[in-house]
Amino acid sequence: MPMRNASLLLFIWSVLFTTASLADSPEGGDIEVKVKMVGESIIVDVTFSVPATQQEVWAVLTDFDHMADFVSNLRESKVASVSGDTITIFQRGAATYGPISYPFKSTREIRLMPFDKIRTHLISGNMRKMEGTTYLIHEGAQTRVIHHTDTIPEIWFPLAVGQVFIEHEMREQFHEMRNEIIRRKRASFRRH
């Protein structure tokens, strides 16, 4: 039994060491991510700005059929059905950071309020709960994105490891989406 505890402590220490060194990476450093673990719930707030219009940001954040092409932790992403301003999407992938990997899949109902708000509600998947809202706010030549989720995963995350892991995953995901917004904007300029 003491050997198992020592192995667990060594594993947690290696994760913390790896995550601390990777956290210094400048990629997405200006994307503010706050993770709170309250009871079973994981509450995430993300804020960043991008030099693009609300419509340009919206086009990427709602491009569910192609999202696996530019978000690296997604293996599959597709629209399952559309009904007015509400769509149902299916996504699966794996969040990986250092030695930790968390495979996920979900079917979610997405309510679209162009070009200001996207609401997400979990229908099924390997989470017990996922509710989220993303706001797009026009700020001169930029759009500010404010994203909030409240999730209850099926597995338990140790507090210190869980916060660092989730913060990394969210920052990377939104960094990749922001890069895609900028890439499309530049491609649009070149065509004109």
N, C-alpha and C. Protein backbone atom coordinates (compact mmCIF):
# COMPACT_ATOMS: atom_id res chain seq x y z
N MET A 1 0.81 -1.21 0.00
CA MET A 1 0.00 0.00 0.00
C MET A 1 0.85 1.28 0.00
N PRO A 2 1.92 1.37 0.84
CA PRO A 2 2.75 2.58 0.80
C PRO A 2 3.35 2.80 -0.58
N MET A 3 3.68 1.71 -1.32
CA MET A 3 4.25 1.85 -2.66
C MET A 3 3.23 2.50 -3.60
N ARG A 4 1.96 2.11 -3.50
CA ARG A 4 0.92 2.71 -4.35
C ARG A 4 0.78 4.20 -4.05
N ASN A 5 0.82 4.58 -2.76
CA ASN A 5 0.74 5.99 -2.39
C ASN A 5 1.93 6.76 -2.93
N ALA A 6 3.12 6.16 -2.83
CA ALA A 6 4.32 6.81 -3.35
C ALA A 6 4.22 6.98 -4.87
N SER A 7 3.70 5.97 -5.55
CA SER A 7 3.53 6.06 -7.01
C SER A 7 2.54 7.16 -7.37
N LEU A 8 1.45 7.26 -6.62
CA LEU A 8 0.46 8.30 -6.88
C LEU A 8 1.07 9.68 -6.65
N LEU A 9 1.82 9.84 -5.56
CA LEU A 9 2.46 11.13 -5.29
C LEU A 9 3.47 11.47 -6.38
N LEU A 10 4.23 10.48 -6.84
CA LEU A 10 5.19 10.70 -7.91
C LEU A 10 4.47 11.12 -9.19
N PHE A 11 3.35 10.46 -9.49
CA PHE A 11 2.57 10.81 -10.68
C PHE A 11 2.06 12.25 -10.58
N ILE A 12 1.47 12.61 -9.45
CA ILE A 12 0.95 13.97 -9.28
C ILE A 12 2.08 14.99 -9.36
N TRP A 13 3.22 14.69 -8.74
CA TRP A 13 4.35 15.61 -8.80
C TRP A 13 4.82 15.78 -10.24
N SER A 14 4.89 14.67 -11.02
CA SER A 14 5.35 14.77 -12.41
C SER A 14 4.37 15.58 -13.25
N VAL A 15 3.07 15.42 -12.99
CA VAL A 15 2.07 16.21 -13.70
C VAL A 15 2.22 17.69 -13.36
N LEU A 16 2.36 17.99 -12.08
CA LEU A 16 2.52 19.39 -11.68
C LEU A 16 3.79 19.99 -12.26
N PHE A 17 4.89 19.22 -12.26
CA PHE A 17 6.14 19.71 -12.82
C PHE A 17 5.99 19.97 -14.31
N THR A 18 5.37 19.01 -15.02
CA THR A 18 5.17 19.15 -16.47
C THR A 18 4.26 20.33 -16.76
N THR A 19 3.15 20.44 -16.04
CA THR A 19 2.20 21.51 -16.31
C THR A 19 2.79 22.86 -15.95
N ALA A 20 3.60 22.93 -14.91
CA ALA A 20 4.21 24.22 -14.55
C ALA A 20 5.17 24.67 -15.63
N SER A 21 5.95 23.76 -16.19
CA SER A 21 6.89 24.16 -17.23
C SER A 21 6.17 24.49 -18.52
N LEU A 22 5.10 23.76 -18.85
CA LEU A 22 4.36 24.05 -20.07
C LEU A 22 3.53 25.32 -19.93
N ALA A 23 3.15 25.67 -18.73
CA ALA A 23 2.33 26.87 -18.53
C ALA A 23 3.07 28.14 -18.90
N ASP A 24 4.39 28.08 -18.97
CA ASP A 24 5.17 29.25 -19.35
C ASP A 24 5.12 29.54 -20.84
N SER A 25 4.52 28.62 -21.62
CA SER A 25 4.44 28.80 -23.07
C SER A 25 3.68 30.07 -23.41
N PRO A 26 4.20 30.89 -24.35
CA PRO A 26 3.54 32.16 -24.67
C PRO A 26 2.26 31.99 -25.50
N GLU A 27 2.03 30.81 -26.08
CA GLU A 27 0.85 30.63 -26.93
C GLU A 27 -0.42 30.84 -26.13
N GLY A 28 -1.23 31.78 -26.58
CA GLY A 28 -2.49 32.04 -25.91
C GLY A 28 -2.34 32.66 -24.54
N GLY A 29 -1.17 33.22 -24.25
CA GLY A 29 -0.93 33.80 -22.93
C GLY A 29 -1.85 34.94 -22.59
N ASP A 30 -2.39 35.61 -23.61
CA ASP A 30 -3.30 36.72 -23.37
C ASP A 30 -4.75 36.27 -23.27
N ILE A 31 -4.99 34.97 -23.37
CA ILE A 31 -6.34 34.42 -23.18
C ILE A 31 -6.49 34.14 -21.69
N GLU A 32 -7.41 34.86 -21.07
CA GLU A 32 -7.61 34.72 -19.62
C GLU A 32 -8.53 33.54 -19.34
N VAL A 33 -8.05 32.60 -18.55
CA VAL A 33 -8.82 31.40 -18.21
C VAL A 33 -8.85 31.27 -16.69
N LYS A 34 -10.05 31.17 -16.13
CA LYS A 34 -10.21 30.96 -14.69
C LYS A 34 -11.00 29.67 -14.50
N VAL A 35 -10.46 28.78 -13.69
CA VAL A 35 -11.10 27.50 -13.41
C VAL A 35 -11.37 27.41 -11.93
N LYS A 36 -12.62 27.15 -11.56
CA LYS A 36 -12.99 26.95 -10.15
C LYS A 36 -13.63 25.57 -10.04
N MET A 37 -13.22 24.84 -9.03
CA MET A 37 -13.83 23.55 -8.76
C MET A 37 -14.65 23.70 -7.48
N VAL A 38 -15.97 23.61 -7.65
CA VAL A 38 -16.89 23.82 -6.54
C VAL A 38 -17.71 22.55 -6.38
N GLY A 39 -17.40 21.78 -5.33
CA GLY A 39 -18.05 20.48 -5.18
C GLY A 39 -17.71 19.62 -6.38
N GLU A 40 -18.73 19.09 -7.04
CA GLU A 40 -18.52 18.28 -8.25
C GLU A 40 -18.37 19.13 -9.50
N SER A 41 -18.78 20.39 -9.42
CA SER A 41 -18.81 21.25 -10.60
C SER A 41 -17.45 21.84 -10.91
N ILE A 42 -17.17 21.93 -12.21
CA ILE A 42 -16.00 22.65 -12.71
C ILE A 42 -16.54 23.86 -13.46
N ILE A 43 -16.23 25.05 -12.97
CA ILE A 43 -16.73 26.29 -13.56
C ILE A 43 -15.56 26.96 -14.26
N VAL A 44 -15.74 27.24 -15.55
CA VAL A 44 -14.67 27.81 -16.36
C VAL A 44 -15.14 29.12 -16.97
N ASP A 45 -14.29 30.16 -16.86
CA ASP A 45 -14.54 31.44 -17.50
C ASP A 45 -13.33 31.78 -18.37
N VAL A 46 -13.60 32.07 -19.63
CA VAL A 46 -12.55 32.40 -20.60
C VAL A 46 -12.88 33.76 -21.20
N THR A 47 -11.87 34.61 -21.35
CA THR A 47 -12.03 35.92 -21.97
C THR A 47 -10.83 36.19 -22.86
N PHE A 48 -11.11 36.66 -24.08
CA PHE A 48 -10.03 37.10 -24.96
C PHE A 48 -10.62 38.01 -26.03
N SER A 49 -9.74 38.74 -26.71
CA SER A 49 -10.16 39.60 -27.82
C SER A 49 -9.48 39.14 -29.09
N VAL A 50 -10.13 39.41 -30.21
CA VAL A 50 -9.58 39.05 -31.51
C VAL A 50 -9.87 40.20 -32.48
N PRO A 51 -8.90 40.58 -33.33
CA PRO A 51 -9.13 41.67 -34.28
C PRO A 51 -9.98 41.22 -35.46
N ALA A 52 -11.27 41.07 -35.21
CA ALA A 52 -12.21 40.60 -36.23
C ALA A 52 -13.60 41.07 -35.84
N THR A 53 -14.52 41.05 -36.80
CA THR A 53 -15.91 41.44 -36.53
C THR A 53 -16.63 40.30 -35.79
N GLN A 54 -17.77 40.63 -35.22
CA GLN A 54 -18.57 39.59 -34.57
C GLN A 54 -18.94 38.50 -35.56
N GLN A 55 -19.26 38.88 -36.81
CA GLN A 55 -19.64 37.90 -37.83
C GLN A 55 -18.49 36.96 -38.16
N GLU A 56 -17.26 37.51 -38.22
CA GLU A 56 -16.09 36.68 -38.51
C GLU A 56 -15.80 35.70 -37.37
N VAL A 57 -15.97 36.17 -36.14
CA VAL A 57 -15.77 35.31 -34.98
C VAL A 57 -16.87 34.25 -34.94
N TRP A 58 -18.10 34.67 -35.16
CA TRP A 58 -19.25 33.78 -35.16
C TRP A 58 -19.07 32.64 -36.17
N ALA A 59 -18.58 32.96 -37.37
CA ALA A 59 -18.41 31.97 -38.43
C ALA A 59 -17.51 30.82 -37.99
N VAL A 60 -16.50 31.11 -37.17
CA VAL A 60 -15.59 30.05 -36.70
C VAL A 60 -16.19 29.32 -35.49
N LEU A 61 -16.71 30.06 -34.53
CA LEU A 61 -17.22 29.43 -33.30
C LEU A 61 -18.44 28.54 -33.56
N THR A 62 -19.11 28.74 -34.69
CA THR A 62 -20.30 27.93 -35.01
C THR A 62 -20.06 27.00 -36.19
N ASP A 63 -18.81 26.84 -36.63
CA ASP A 63 -18.49 25.96 -37.76
C ASP A 63 -18.27 24.54 -37.25
N PHE A 64 -19.32 23.94 -36.71
CA PHE A 64 -19.20 22.65 -36.05
C PHE A 64 -18.82 21.52 -37.00
N ASP A 65 -19.25 21.60 -38.26
CA ASP A 65 -18.91 20.54 -39.21
C ASP A 65 -17.43 20.50 -39.57
N HIS A 66 -16.71 21.61 -39.38
CA HIS A 66 -15.29 21.66 -39.72
C HIS A 66 -14.39 21.88 -38.51
N MET A 67 -14.96 21.91 -37.30
CA MET A 67 -14.20 22.27 -36.11
C MET A 67 -13.04 21.31 -35.84
N ALA A 68 -13.19 20.04 -36.17
CA ALA A 68 -12.10 19.08 -35.95
C ALA A 68 -10.89 19.38 -36.83
N ASP A 69 -11.07 20.19 -37.87
CA ASP A 69 -9.95 20.57 -38.74
C ASP A 69 -9.03 21.60 -38.09
N PHE A 70 -9.55 22.38 -37.13
CA PHE A 70 -8.72 23.43 -36.54
C PHE A 70 -8.65 23.41 -35.01
N VAL A 71 -9.35 22.50 -34.37
CA VAL A 71 -9.23 22.32 -32.91
C VAL A 71 -8.62 20.93 -32.69
N SER A 72 -7.39 20.91 -32.21
CA SER A 72 -6.59 19.68 -32.21
C SER A 72 -7.10 18.58 -31.28
N ASN A 73 -7.87 18.91 -30.24
CA ASN A 73 -8.32 17.83 -29.36
C ASN A 73 -9.62 17.18 -29.85
N LEU A 74 -10.17 17.63 -30.98
CA LEU A 74 -11.37 17.03 -31.56
C LEU A 74 -10.99 16.01 -32.63
N ARG A 75 -11.62 14.84 -32.58
CA ARG A 75 -11.45 13.83 -33.62
C ARG A 75 -12.63 13.85 -34.58
N GLU A 76 -13.79 14.27 -34.06
CA GLU A 76 -15.00 14.31 -34.88
C GLU A 76 -15.90 15.43 -34.37
N SER A 77 -16.50 16.15 -35.30
CA SER A 77 -17.43 17.22 -34.94
C SER A 77 -18.41 17.35 -36.09
N LYS A 78 -19.70 17.23 -35.79
CA LYS A 78 -20.69 17.33 -36.86
C LYS A 78 -22.03 17.81 -36.33
N VAL A 79 -22.76 18.46 -37.22
CA VAL A 79 -24.12 18.88 -36.90
C VAL A 79 -25.03 17.69 -37.15
N ALA A 80 -25.80 17.30 -36.13
CA ALA A 80 -26.71 16.16 -36.25
C ALA A 80 -28.09 16.58 -36.72
N SER A 81 -28.54 17.77 -36.29
CA SER A 81 -29.86 18.25 -36.72
C SER A 81 -29.94 19.76 -36.54
N VAL A 82 -30.87 20.36 -37.29
CA VAL A 82 -31.10 21.80 -37.23
C VAL A 82 -32.60 22.03 -37.12
N SER A 83 -32.98 22.91 -36.19
CA SER A 83 -34.39 23.29 -36.04
C SER A 83 -34.43 24.77 -35.67
N GLY A 84 -34.64 25.60 -36.68
CA GLY A 84 -34.66 27.04 -36.46
C GLY A 84 -33.31 27.53 -35.97
N ASP A 85 -33.32 28.20 -34.81
CA ASP A 85 -32.07 28.73 -34.25
C ASP A 85 -31.38 27.75 -33.29
N THR A 86 -31.86 26.50 -33.28
CA THR A 86 -31.30 25.48 -32.40
C THR A 86 -30.74 24.34 -33.24
N ILE A 87 -29.48 23.97 -32.94
CA ILE A 87 -28.87 22.84 -33.63
C ILE A 87 -28.41 21.83 -32.60
N THR A 88 -28.30 20.59 -33.04
CA THR A 88 -27.76 19.53 -32.20
C THR A 88 -26.45 19.09 -32.83
N ILE A 89 -25.40 19.05 -32.02
CA ILE A 89 -24.09 18.66 -32.54
C ILE A 89 -23.56 17.45 -31.77
N PHE A 90 -22.69 16.69 -32.45
CA PHE A 90 -21.98 15.59 -31.82
C PHE A 90 -20.49 15.87 -31.96
N GLN A 91 -19.77 15.72 -30.85
CA GLN A 91 -18.32 15.88 -30.88
C GLN A 91 -17.67 14.79 -30.03
N ARG A 92 -16.50 14.35 -30.49
CA ARG A 92 -15.69 13.43 -29.69
C ARG A 92 -14.22 13.76 -29.90
N GLY A 93 -13.42 13.45 -28.89
CA GLY A 93 -12.00 13.72 -28.98
C GLY A 93 -11.32 13.29 -27.70
N ALA A 94 -10.13 13.85 -27.48
CA ALA A 94 -9.38 13.53 -26.27
C ALA A 94 -8.57 14.75 -25.86
N ALA A 95 -8.75 15.16 -24.63
CA ALA A 95 -7.95 16.24 -24.06
C ALA A 95 -6.70 15.60 -23.47
N THR A 96 -5.53 16.06 -23.91
CA THR A 96 -4.27 15.48 -23.46
C THR A 96 -3.33 16.59 -23.03
N TYR A 97 -2.70 16.39 -21.88
CA TYR A 97 -1.74 17.37 -21.38
C TYR A 97 -0.71 16.63 -20.55
N GLY A 98 0.53 16.62 -21.02
CA GLY A 98 1.55 15.85 -20.33
C GLY A 98 1.13 14.39 -20.27
N PRO A 99 1.19 13.76 -19.11
CA PRO A 99 0.82 12.34 -19.00
C PRO A 99 -0.69 12.11 -18.83
N ILE A 100 -1.48 13.17 -18.80
CA ILE A 100 -2.92 13.02 -18.58
C ILE A 100 -3.66 13.04 -19.91
N SER A 101 -4.61 12.12 -20.07
CA SER A 101 -5.47 12.11 -21.25
C SER A 101 -6.90 11.84 -20.79
N TYR A 102 -7.84 12.60 -21.34
CA TYR A 102 -9.25 12.44 -20.97
C TYR A 102 -10.08 12.37 -22.25
N PRO A 103 -10.47 11.16 -22.68
CA PRO A 103 -11.32 11.05 -23.86
C PRO A 103 -12.72 11.58 -23.54
N PHE A 104 -13.33 12.26 -24.50
CA PHE A 104 -14.66 12.80 -24.27
C PHE A 104 -15.53 12.64 -25.52
N LYS A 105 -16.82 12.61 -25.28
CA LYS A 105 -17.79 12.66 -26.37
C LYS A 105 -19.04 13.31 -25.81
N SER A 106 -19.73 14.03 -26.69
CA SER A 106 -20.95 14.69 -26.23
C SER A 106 -21.88 14.97 -27.39
N THR A 107 -23.15 14.93 -27.08
CA THR A 107 -24.19 15.43 -27.97
C THR A 107 -24.79 16.61 -27.24
N ARG A 108 -24.77 17.78 -27.90
CA ARG A 108 -25.21 19.00 -27.23
C ARG A 108 -26.22 19.75 -28.08
N GLU A 109 -27.12 20.40 -27.39
CA GLU A 109 -28.07 21.31 -28.05
C GLU A 109 -27.46 22.70 -27.98
N ILE A 110 -27.36 23.34 -29.14
CA ILE A 110 -26.76 24.67 -29.24
C ILE A 110 -27.84 25.65 -29.69
N ARG A 111 -28.08 26.67 -28.90
CA ARG A 111 -29.04 27.71 -29.28
C ARG A 111 -28.26 28.93 -29.74
N LEU A 112 -28.52 29.34 -30.98
CA LEU A 112 -27.78 30.43 -31.61
C LEU A 112 -28.57 31.73 -31.57
N MET A 113 -27.92 32.80 -31.14
CA MET A 113 -28.51 34.13 -31.13
C MET A 113 -27.54 35.06 -31.86
N PRO A 114 -27.57 34.99 -33.22
CA PRO A 114 -26.56 35.73 -34.02
C PRO A 114 -26.60 37.23 -33.74
N PHE A 115 -25.50 37.85 -33.67
CA PHE A 115 -24.13 37.39 -33.62
C PHE A 115 -23.58 37.68 -32.23
N ASP A 116 -24.45 37.49 -31.24
CA ASP A 116 -24.15 37.92 -29.87
C ASP A 116 -23.94 36.81 -28.85
N LYS A 117 -24.69 35.70 -29.00
CA LYS A 117 -24.69 34.71 -27.92
C LYS A 117 -24.88 33.29 -28.47
N ILE A 118 -24.16 32.34 -27.84
CA ILE A 118 -24.30 30.92 -28.14
C ILE A 118 -24.52 30.21 -26.81
N ARG A 119 -25.63 29.46 -26.70
CA ARG A 119 -25.92 28.73 -25.45
C ARG A 119 -25.79 27.24 -25.73
N THR A 120 -25.19 26.52 -24.78
CA THR A 120 -24.93 25.09 -24.93
C THR A 120 -25.56 24.31 -23.78
N HIS A 121 -26.19 23.18 -24.14
CA HIS A 121 -26.80 22.31 -23.14
C HIS A 121 -26.49 20.86 -23.51
N LEU A 122 -25.92 20.10 -22.57
CA LEU A 122 -25.58 18.71 -22.80
C LEU A 122 -26.83 17.84 -22.88
N ILE A 123 -26.91 17.03 -23.93
CA ILE A 123 -27.98 16.04 -24.06
C ILE A 123 -27.49 14.68 -23.58
N SER A 124 -26.29 14.28 -24.06
CA SER A 124 -25.70 13.01 -23.64
C SER A 124 -24.19 13.07 -23.85
N GLY A 125 -23.50 12.10 -23.24
CA GLY A 125 -22.06 12.04 -23.38
C GLY A 125 -21.43 11.53 -22.10
N ASN A 126 -20.10 11.67 -22.00
CA ASN A 126 -19.44 11.15 -20.81
C ASN A 126 -19.21 12.24 -19.76
N MET A 127 -20.14 13.19 -19.71
CA MET A 127 -20.20 14.16 -18.63
C MET A 127 -21.61 14.08 -18.06
N ARG A 128 -21.75 14.42 -16.80
CA ARG A 128 -23.08 14.39 -16.19
C ARG A 128 -23.83 15.68 -16.43
N LYS A 129 -23.06 16.78 -16.64
CA LYS A 129 -23.69 18.08 -16.86
C LYS A 129 -22.74 18.95 -17.67
N MET A 130 -23.30 19.75 -18.57
CA MET A 130 -22.53 20.78 -19.25
C MET A 130 -23.49 21.85 -19.73
N GLU A 131 -23.36 23.00 -19.14
CA GLU A 131 -24.15 24.17 -19.52
C GLU A 131 -23.17 25.28 -19.83
N GLY A 132 -23.36 25.96 -20.94
CA GLY A 132 -22.42 27.02 -21.28
C GLY A 132 -23.04 28.15 -22.06
N THR A 133 -22.41 29.30 -21.97
CA THR A 133 -22.82 30.48 -22.74
C THR A 133 -21.56 31.18 -23.23
N THR A 134 -21.58 31.56 -24.50
CA THR A 134 -20.49 32.33 -25.10
C THR A 134 -21.08 33.64 -25.61
N TYR A 135 -20.48 34.75 -25.22
CA TYR A 135 -20.91 36.07 -25.66
C TYR A 135 -19.87 36.65 -26.61
N LEU A 136 -20.33 37.34 -27.65
CA LEU A 136 -19.46 38.06 -28.57
C LEU A 136 -19.81 39.53 -28.44
N ILE A 137 -18.83 40.34 -28.04
CA ILE A 137 -19.08 41.76 -27.78
C ILE A 137 -18.21 42.60 -28.70
N HIS A 138 -18.86 43.47 -29.48
CA HIS A 138 -18.16 44.37 -30.40
C HIS A 138 -17.41 45.43 -29.60
N GLU A 139 -16.10 45.57 -29.88
CA GLU A 139 -15.28 46.58 -29.21
C GLU A 139 -14.40 47.27 -30.25
N GLY A 140 -14.96 48.19 -31.01
CA GLY A 140 -14.20 48.90 -32.04
C GLY A 140 -13.76 47.96 -33.14
N ALA A 141 -12.45 47.82 -33.34
CA ALA A 141 -11.92 46.95 -34.39
C ALA A 141 -11.75 45.50 -33.91
N GLN A 142 -12.25 45.22 -32.72
CA GLN A 142 -12.08 43.88 -32.16
C GLN A 142 -13.42 43.33 -31.69
N THR A 143 -13.40 42.03 -31.42
CA THR A 143 -14.53 41.38 -30.77
C THR A 143 -14.00 40.70 -29.52
N ARG A 144 -14.66 40.96 -28.40
CA ARG A 144 -14.30 40.28 -27.15
C ARG A 144 -15.19 39.04 -27.03
N VAL A 145 -14.56 37.92 -26.71
CA VAL A 145 -15.28 36.66 -26.51
C VAL A 145 -15.25 36.36 -25.02
N ILE A 146 -16.43 36.14 -24.45
CA ILE A 146 -16.55 35.77 -23.04
C ILE A 146 -17.29 34.44 -23.00
N HIS A 147 -16.63 33.43 -22.47
CA HIS A 147 -17.16 32.07 -22.46
C HIS A 147 -17.27 31.57 -21.02
N HIS A 148 -18.41 30.98 -20.68
CA HIS A 148 -18.64 30.46 -19.33
C HIS A 148 -19.24 29.07 -19.44
N THR A 149 -18.67 28.10 -18.71
CA THR A 149 -19.28 26.77 -18.64
C THR A 149 -19.33 26.28 -17.21
N ASP A 150 -20.34 25.47 -16.96
CA ASP A 150 -20.50 24.78 -15.68
C ASP A 150 -20.66 23.31 -16.03
N THR A 151 -19.68 22.50 -15.64
CA THR A 151 -19.62 21.10 -16.05
C THR A 151 -19.46 20.19 -14.85
N ILE A 152 -20.08 19.02 -14.92
CA ILE A 152 -19.80 17.96 -13.95
C ILE A 152 -19.31 16.76 -14.75
N PRO A 153 -18.01 16.45 -14.66
CA PRO A 153 -17.49 15.29 -15.41
C PRO A 153 -17.87 13.99 -14.71
N GLU A 154 -17.74 12.88 -15.45
CA GLU A 154 -18.01 11.57 -14.85
C GLU A 154 -16.88 11.13 -13.94
N ILE A 155 -15.66 11.62 -14.22
CA ILE A 155 -14.52 11.21 -13.39
C ILE A 155 -14.11 12.36 -12.48
N TRP A 156 -13.50 12.03 -11.39
CA TRP A 156 -13.04 13.02 -10.43
C TRP A 156 -11.64 13.48 -10.81
N PHE A 157 -11.40 14.79 -10.77
CA PHE A 157 -10.08 15.36 -11.00
C PHE A 157 -9.53 15.86 -9.67
N PRO A 158 -8.29 15.47 -9.29
CA PRO A 158 -7.68 16.09 -8.11
C PRO A 158 -7.61 17.60 -8.33
N LEU A 159 -7.85 18.38 -7.30
CA LEU A 159 -7.99 19.83 -7.42
C LEU A 159 -6.83 20.50 -8.17
N ALA A 160 -5.61 20.34 -7.69
CA ALA A 160 -4.46 21.05 -8.30
C ALA A 160 -4.23 20.59 -9.73
N VAL A 161 -4.24 19.29 -9.96
CA VAL A 161 -4.01 18.75 -11.29
C VAL A 161 -5.16 19.13 -12.21
N GLY A 162 -6.38 18.99 -11.73
CA GLY A 162 -7.56 19.29 -12.54
C GLY A 162 -7.59 20.73 -13.01
N GLN A 163 -7.30 21.67 -12.13
CA GLN A 163 -7.34 23.07 -12.52
C GLN A 163 -6.32 23.39 -13.60
N VAL A 164 -5.10 22.91 -13.44
CA VAL A 164 -4.05 23.18 -14.43
C VAL A 164 -4.38 22.51 -15.76
N PHE A 165 -4.84 21.27 -15.71
CA PHE A 165 -5.20 20.51 -16.91
C PHE A 165 -6.31 21.20 -17.69
N ILE A 166 -7.38 21.57 -17.01
CA ILE A 166 -8.53 22.20 -17.67
C ILE A 166 -8.16 23.58 -18.19
N GLU A 167 -7.41 24.34 -17.41
CA GLU A 167 -6.98 25.66 -17.86
C GLU A 167 -6.16 25.55 -19.15
N HIS A 168 -5.25 24.59 -19.19
CA HIS A 168 -4.43 24.38 -20.40
C HIS A 168 -5.31 24.02 -21.59
N GLU A 169 -6.25 23.08 -21.40
CA GLU A 169 -7.10 22.64 -22.50
C GLU A 169 -7.97 23.77 -23.04
N MET A 170 -8.56 24.55 -22.16
CA MET A 170 -9.42 25.65 -22.60
C MET A 170 -8.60 26.72 -23.32
N ARG A 171 -7.43 27.06 -22.77
CA ARG A 171 -6.59 28.07 -23.41
C ARG A 171 -6.15 27.59 -24.80
N GLU A 172 -5.75 26.34 -24.92
CA GLU A 172 -5.32 25.81 -26.22
C GLU A 172 -6.47 25.79 -27.22
N GLN A 173 -7.64 25.36 -26.78
CA GLN A 173 -8.81 25.28 -27.66
C GLN A 173 -9.18 26.67 -28.20
N PHE A 174 -9.24 27.66 -27.33
CA PHE A 174 -9.61 29.01 -27.79
C PHE A 174 -8.47 29.68 -28.55
N HIS A 175 -7.23 29.34 -28.24
CA HIS A 175 -6.10 29.84 -29.02
C HIS A 175 -6.20 29.33 -30.46
N GLU A 176 -6.53 28.06 -30.62
CA GLU A 176 -6.67 27.48 -31.97
C GLU A 176 -7.86 28.10 -32.71
N MET A 177 -8.95 28.35 -32.01
CA MET A 177 -10.10 28.99 -32.66
C MET A 177 -9.76 30.42 -33.06
N ARG A 178 -9.06 31.14 -32.18
CA ARG A 178 -8.67 32.50 -32.53
C ARG A 178 -7.73 32.50 -33.74
N ASN A 179 -6.78 31.56 -33.78
CA ASN A 179 -5.90 31.45 -34.94
C ASN A 179 -6.68 31.21 -36.23
N GLU A 180 -7.74 30.39 -36.13
CA GLU A 180 -8.56 30.12 -37.32
C GLU A 180 -9.33 31.36 -37.76
N ILE A 181 -9.82 32.15 -36.80
CA ILE A 181 -10.51 33.41 -37.13
C ILE A 181 -9.56 34.31 -37.90
N ILE A 182 -8.35 34.46 -37.38
CA ILE A 182 -7.35 35.34 -38.03
C ILE A 182 -6.94 34.78 -39.38
N ARG A 183 -6.75 33.46 -39.49
CA ARG A 183 -6.38 32.85 -40.76
C ARG A 183 -7.44 33.11 -41.83
N ARG A 184 -8.71 32.93 -41.47
CA ARG A 184 -9.80 33.15 -42.43
C ARG A 184 -9.90 34.62 -42.83
N LYS A 185 -9.69 35.50 -41.85
CA LYS A 185 -9.74 36.94 -42.15
C LYS A 185 -8.65 37.32 -43.15
N ARG A 186 -7.44 36.82 -42.93
CA ARG A 186 -6.33 37.10 -43.85
C ARG A 186 -6.60 36.51 -45.24
N ALA A 187 -7.13 35.30 -45.28
CA ALA A 187 -7.45 34.67 -46.56
C ALA A 187 -8.51 35.46 -47.31
N SER A 188 -9.47 36.03 -46.58
CA SER A 188 -10.51 36.84 -47.20
C SER A 188 -9.91 38.13 -47.80
N PHE A 189 -8.95 38.75 -47.08
CA PHE A 189 -8.27 39.95 -47.60
C PHE A 189 -7.51 39.64 -48.89
N ARG A 190 -6.84 38.47 -48.91
CA ARG A 190 -6.04 38.11 -50.09
C ARG A 190 -6.93 37.88 -51.32
N ARG A 191 -8.15 37.39 -51.10
CA ARG A 191 -9.06 37.13 -52.23
C ARG A 191 -9.60 38.41 -52.83
N HIS A 192 -9.63 39.49 -52.04
CA HIS A 192 -10.23 40.75 -52.53
C HIS A 192 -9.23 41.70 -53.10
